[in-house]
Amino acid sequence: MCNKGFTLIEMIFVISILSMIMMLTMFLSINAIDKVDLTNGIYDLETKLEYLETKSIATKKPILVWFKPNSEKIYYQIERNQIQTLTLYKGNISKDNKFTTLVYDGEGNINQFGTLKIIFNNKKYKIIFRIEKGRYRIVEE
């Protein structure tokens, strides 16, 4: 007797291998998407800080910037009584943030040093500001 086809055990074995491959692929894809969102969020924050610094230099006016704890926005003011906001991409200012304000002085410098605590995709970061030439660096906590 010559049977052509697969046995039940062979079919179960093939389906289990295919399902493991699909689960692994889905897991790696989800992790890659999270990393892209995290990177985009950090780049977005850097872009917004550079925008405010550049705007201060271009207008030769100081810009007051403040960070409200547990907020998704950066607030800034150039002219009196004209408060504007920039929204963070998938991030927010940490609840326990003590660094609340800084001023770009119109020449590219900031008025104080300090550490801003920020959260992107449930990962905590510190943005360490230095006084000279508006420099900062971002460090994962």
Protein backbone atom coordinates (compact mmCIF):
# COMPACT_ATOMS: atom_id res chain seq x y z
CA MET A 1 0.00 0.00 0.00
CA CYS A 2 1.51 3.29 -1.12
CA ASN A 3 0.06 6.38 0.54
CA LYS A 4 0.79 9.72 -0.97
CA GLY A 5 0.59 12.69 1.40
CA PHE A 6 1.61 13.80 4.86
CA THR A 7 0.79 12.16 8.17
CA LEU A 8 -0.89 14.09 10.93
CA ILE A 9 2.34 14.25 12.97
CA GLU A 10 4.27 15.67 10.01
CA MET A 11 1.63 18.37 9.51
CA ILE A 12 1.64 19.33 13.20
CA PHE A 13 5.44 19.51 13.16
CA VAL A 14 5.50 21.81 10.10
CA ILE A 15 2.74 24.06 11.47
CA SER A 16 4.51 24.39 14.83
CA ILE A 17 7.78 25.42 13.12
CA LEU A 18 5.96 27.99 10.97
CA SER A 19 4.13 29.42 13.99
CA MET A 20 7.42 29.79 15.92
CA ILE A 21 8.97 31.62 12.98
CA MET A 22 5.96 33.96 12.77
CA MET A 23 6.02 34.68 16.53
CA LEU A 24 9.73 35.48 16.41
CA THR A 25 9.23 37.77 13.43
CA MET A 26 6.35 39.60 15.15
CA PHE A 27 8.39 40.03 18.36
CA LEU A 28 11.36 41.48 16.48
CA SER A 29 9.08 43.79 14.46
CA ILE A 30 7.39 45.17 17.58
CA ASN A 31 10.76 45.85 19.23
CA ALA A 32 12.01 47.58 16.10
CA ILE A 33 8.91 49.82 15.99
CA ASP A 34 9.41 50.77 19.68
CA LYS A 35 13.04 51.69 19.01
CA VAL A 36 12.05 53.81 16.01
CA ASP A 37 9.42 55.67 18.08
CA LEU A 38 11.95 56.23 20.85
CA THR A 39 14.58 57.55 18.43
CA ASN A 40 12.02 59.76 16.70
CA GLY A 41 10.90 61.18 20.04
CA ILE A 42 14.46 62.09 21.06
CA TYR A 43 15.26 63.59 17.65
CA ASP A 44 12.02 65.56 17.82
CA LEU A 45 12.98 67.02 21.20
CA GLU A 46 16.46 67.92 19.93
CA THR A 47 14.94 69.59 16.89
CA LYS A 48 12.61 71.67 19.04
CA LEU A 49 15.41 72.81 21.36
CA GLU A 50 17.56 73.74 18.35
CA TYR A 51 14.59 75.58 16.83
CA LEU A 52 14.20 77.71 19.97
CA GLU A 53 17.93 78.43 20.11
CA THR A 54 18.03 79.39 16.42
CA LYS A 55 14.93 81.56 16.76
CA SER A 56 16.55 83.37 19.69
CA ILE A 57 19.73 84.01 17.67
CA ALA A 58 17.79 85.11 14.57
CA THR A 59 15.57 87.56 16.43
CA LYS A 60 18.34 88.65 18.85
CA LYS A 61 15.76 88.37 21.61
CA PRO A 62 15.76 86.19 24.70
CA ILE A 63 13.34 83.27 24.72
CA LEU A 64 11.97 82.01 28.02
CA VAL A 65 11.39 78.24 27.94
CA TRP A 66 9.72 76.28 30.69
CA PHE A 67 8.95 72.66 31.32
CA LYS A 68 5.90 71.79 33.39
CA PRO A 69 6.17 68.46 35.23
CA ASN A 70 3.98 65.69 33.79
CA SER A 71 3.31 67.68 30.62
CA GLU A 72 3.60 66.71 26.96
CA LYS A 73 4.42 70.27 25.95
CA ILE A 74 7.30 72.70 26.06
CA TYR A 75 6.15 76.26 26.69
CA TYR A 76 8.05 79.28 25.44
CA GLN A 77 7.64 83.04 25.30
CA ILE A 78 9.34 85.59 23.07
CA GLU A 79 7.07 88.60 23.39
CA ARG A 80 5.28 89.59 26.57
CA ASN A 81 1.95 87.77 27.07
CA GLN A 82 2.43 85.54 24.00
CA ILE A 83 2.92 82.03 25.34
CA GLN A 84 3.38 79.35 22.70
CA THR A 85 3.77 75.57 22.95
CA LEU A 86 5.64 72.77 21.26
CA THR A 87 4.25 69.25 21.71
CA LEU A 88 6.64 66.38 22.41
CA TYR A 89 6.37 63.31 20.17
CA LYS A 90 5.43 60.33 22.38
CA GLY A 91 7.09 61.81 25.43
CA ASN A 92 6.43 63.88 28.50
CA ILE A 93 8.25 65.78 31.20
CA SER A 94 8.81 63.63 34.29
CA LYS A 95 6.64 64.22 37.37
CA ASP A 96 9.71 64.62 39.61
CA ASN A 97 11.41 67.15 37.34
CA LYS A 98 13.02 70.01 39.28
CA PHE A 99 14.48 71.85 36.27
CA THR A 100 11.63 74.07 35.11
CA THR A 101 12.96 77.06 33.16
CA LEU A 102 15.79 78.24 30.98
CA VAL A 103 16.39 81.30 28.84
CA TYR A 104 18.10 81.45 25.47
CA ASP A 105 19.77 84.87 25.61
CA GLY A 106 19.67 85.87 21.93
CA GLU A 107 23.29 84.88 21.32
CA GLY A 108 22.92 81.12 21.57
CA ASN A 109 23.72 80.80 25.28
CA ILE A 110 21.44 79.62 28.05
CA ASN A 111 21.23 81.26 31.44
CA GLN A 112 21.65 78.26 33.72
CA PHE A 113 22.74 74.68 33.89
CA GLY A 114 20.57 71.84 35.11
CA THR A 115 19.04 68.47 34.36
CA LEU A 116 15.66 68.01 32.73
CA LYS A 117 14.03 64.62 33.32
CA ILE A 118 11.92 63.35 30.46
CA ILE A 119 10.17 60.07 29.58
CA PHE A 120 9.87 58.50 26.12
CA ASN A 121 8.07 55.15 25.74
CA ASN A 122 8.38 54.47 29.49
CA LYS A 123 12.16 54.99 29.40
CA LYS A 124 13.62 57.77 31.50
CA TYR A 125 16.17 60.21 30.12
CA LYS A 126 18.08 63.17 31.48
CA ILE A 127 18.86 66.21 29.38
CA ILE A 128 21.85 67.92 30.92
CA PHE A 129 22.08 71.60 29.98
CA ARG A 130 25.32 73.57 30.11
CA ILE A 131 25.59 77.33 30.14
CA GLU A 132 28.09 77.84 27.31
CA LYS A 133 26.65 78.09 23.80
CA GLY A 134 23.38 76.35 24.67
CA ARG A 135 24.97 72.90 24.77
CA TYR A 136 23.21 69.89 26.19
CA ARG A 137 23.46 66.13 26.13
CA ILE A 138 20.90 63.37 26.51
CA VAL A 139 21.59 60.42 28.82
CA GLU A 140 19.44 57.38 29.54
CA GLU A 141 18.74 56.91 33.27
